[in-house]
Amino acid sequence: MIGAAAFVRNAHLDIFAANALARALHAEALDSDEQPPSLARFVFRPPPDGPTTAGRASPTTRSAG
């Protein structure tokens, strides 16, 4: 597939390689000081200034029912 975002990850959601489009789509998660970057850490570890991505999604998920 030409023009598709692609990355290589393991079972722990650590990202080991990504093409240019995947880097653009996941830039915030990939610009981590911790290596390798991890989608799990990005979603569940709280940033210094607010709730986690999962925490921001919880009120929306609860009110959808």
C-alpha atoms as a PDB file:
ATOM      1  CA  MET A   1       0.000   0.000   0.000  1.00  0.00           C
ATOM      2  CA  ILE A   2       1.423   3.303  -1.032  1.00  0.00           C
ATOM      3  CA  GLY A   3       0.508   6.284   1.119  1.00  0.00           C
ATOM      4  CA  ALA A   4      -0.449   4.275   4.218  1.00  0.00           C
ATOM      5  CA  ALA A   5       0.804   4.857   7.744  1.00  0.00           C
ATOM      6  CA  ALA A   6       2.796   1.877   9.023  1.00  0.00           C
ATOM      7  CA  PHE A   7       4.794   1.097  12.138  1.00  0.00           C
ATOM      8  CA  VAL A   8       6.443  -1.916  13.728  1.00  0.00           C
ATOM      9  CA  ARG A   9       5.490  -2.613  17.351  1.00  0.00           C
ATOM     10  CA  ASN A  10       5.676  -5.409  19.878  1.00  0.00           C
ATOM     11  CA  ALA A  11       3.044  -6.841  22.238  1.00  0.00           C
ATOM     12  CA  HIS A  12       3.803  -4.069  24.763  1.00  0.00           C
ATOM     13  CA  LEU A  13       2.968  -1.398  22.124  1.00  0.00           C
ATOM     14  CA  ASP A  14       6.585  -0.212  21.945  1.00  0.00           C
ATOM     15  CA  ILE A  15       7.205   1.324  18.505  1.00  0.00           C
ATOM     16  CA  PHE A  16      10.472   0.285  16.858  1.00  0.00           C
ATOM     17  CA  ALA A  17      10.073   1.718  13.350  1.00  0.00           C
ATOM     18  CA  ALA A  18       7.632   3.975  11.546  1.00  0.00           C
ATOM     19  CA  ASN A  19       7.293   5.470   8.093  1.00  0.00           C
ATOM     20  CA  ALA A  20       6.915   9.226   7.520  1.00  0.00           C
ATOM     21  CA  LEU A  21       3.101   9.206   7.585  1.00  0.00           C
ATOM     22  CA  ALA A  22       2.981   7.171  10.821  1.00  0.00           C
ATOM     23  CA  ARG A  23       5.495   9.590  12.366  1.00  0.00           C
ATOM     24  CA  ALA A  24       3.268  12.510  11.398  1.00  0.00           C
ATOM     25  CA  LEU A  25       0.101  10.845  12.756  1.00  0.00           C
ATOM     26  CA  HIS A  26       1.697   9.692  16.011  1.00  0.00           C
ATOM     27  CA  ALA A  27       4.190  12.544  16.483  1.00  0.00           C
ATOM     28  CA  GLU A  28       3.139  13.331  20.045  1.00  0.00           C
ATOM     29  CA  ALA A  29       3.611   9.716  21.153  1.00  0.00           C
ATOM     30  CA  LEU A  30       6.848   9.239  19.197  1.00  0.00           C
ATOM     31  CA  ASP A  31       8.487  12.416  20.550  1.00  0.00           C
ATOM     32  CA  SER A  32       9.032  10.777  23.922  1.00  0.00           C
ATOM     33  CA  ASP A  33      12.205  11.043  25.977  1.00  0.00           C
ATOM     34  CA  GLU A  34      11.758   7.385  26.912  1.00  0.00           C
ATOM     35  CA  GLN A  35      12.967   4.927  24.318  1.00  0.00           C
ATOM     36  CA  PRO A  36      11.521   3.018  22.662  1.00  0.00           C
ATOM     37  CA  PRO A  37       8.393   5.167  22.422  1.00  0.00           C
ATOM     38  CA  SER A  38       5.310   3.325  23.648  1.00  0.00           C
ATOM     39  CA  LEU A  39       1.669   3.835  22.741  1.00  0.00           C
ATOM     40  CA  ALA A  40       0.696   2.276  26.088  1.00  0.00           C
ATOM     41  CA  ARG A  41       2.765   4.835  28.043  1.00  0.00           C
ATOM     42  CA  PHE A  42       1.382   7.623  25.874  1.00  0.00           C
ATOM     43  CA  VAL A  43      -2.226   6.667  26.614  1.00  0.00           C
ATOM     44  CA  PHE A  44      -2.014   5.683  30.282  1.00  0.00           C
ATOM     45  CA  ARG A  45       0.824   7.719  31.849  1.00  0.00           C
ATOM     46  CA  PRO A  46      -0.351  11.165  32.937  1.00  0.00           C
ATOM     47  CA  PRO A  47       1.420  14.151  31.408  1.00  0.00           C
ATOM     48  CA  PRO A  48       2.816  16.706  33.862  1.00  0.00           C
ATOM     49  CA  ASP A  49       0.007  19.164  33.155  1.00  0.00           C
ATOM     50  CA  GLY A  50      -3.207  17.119  33.099  1.00  0.00           C
ATOM     51  CA  PRO A  51      -5.108  13.830  32.813  1.00  0.00           C
ATOM     52  CA  THR A  52      -4.048  10.918  30.624  1.00  0.00           C
ATOM     53  CA  THR A  53      -5.514  10.434  27.174  1.00  0.00           C
ATOM     54  CA  ALA A  54      -7.543   7.534  28.629  1.00  0.00           C
ATOM     55  CA  GLY A  55      -8.711   9.805  31.470  1.00  0.00           C
ATOM     56  CA  ARG A  56      -9.900  12.444  29.005  1.00  0.00           C
ATOM     57  CA  ALA A  57     -11.870   9.803  27.092  1.00  0.00           C
ATOM     58  CA  SER A  58     -13.604   8.301  30.156  1.00  0.00           C
ATOM     59  CA  PRO A  59     -16.313  10.980  30.642  1.00  0.00           C
ATOM     60  CA  THR A  60     -17.179  10.782  26.945  1.00  0.00           C
ATOM     61  CA  THR A  61     -17.389   6.989  27.069  1.00  0.00           C
ATOM     62  CA  ARG A  62     -19.566   7.024  30.199  1.00  0.00           C
ATOM     63  CA  SER A  63     -22.005   9.576  28.795  1.00  0.00           C
ATOM     64  CA  ALA A  64     -22.376   7.719  25.484  1.00  0.00           C
ATOM     65  CA  GLY A  65     -24.477   4.944  27.067  1.00  0.00           C
END
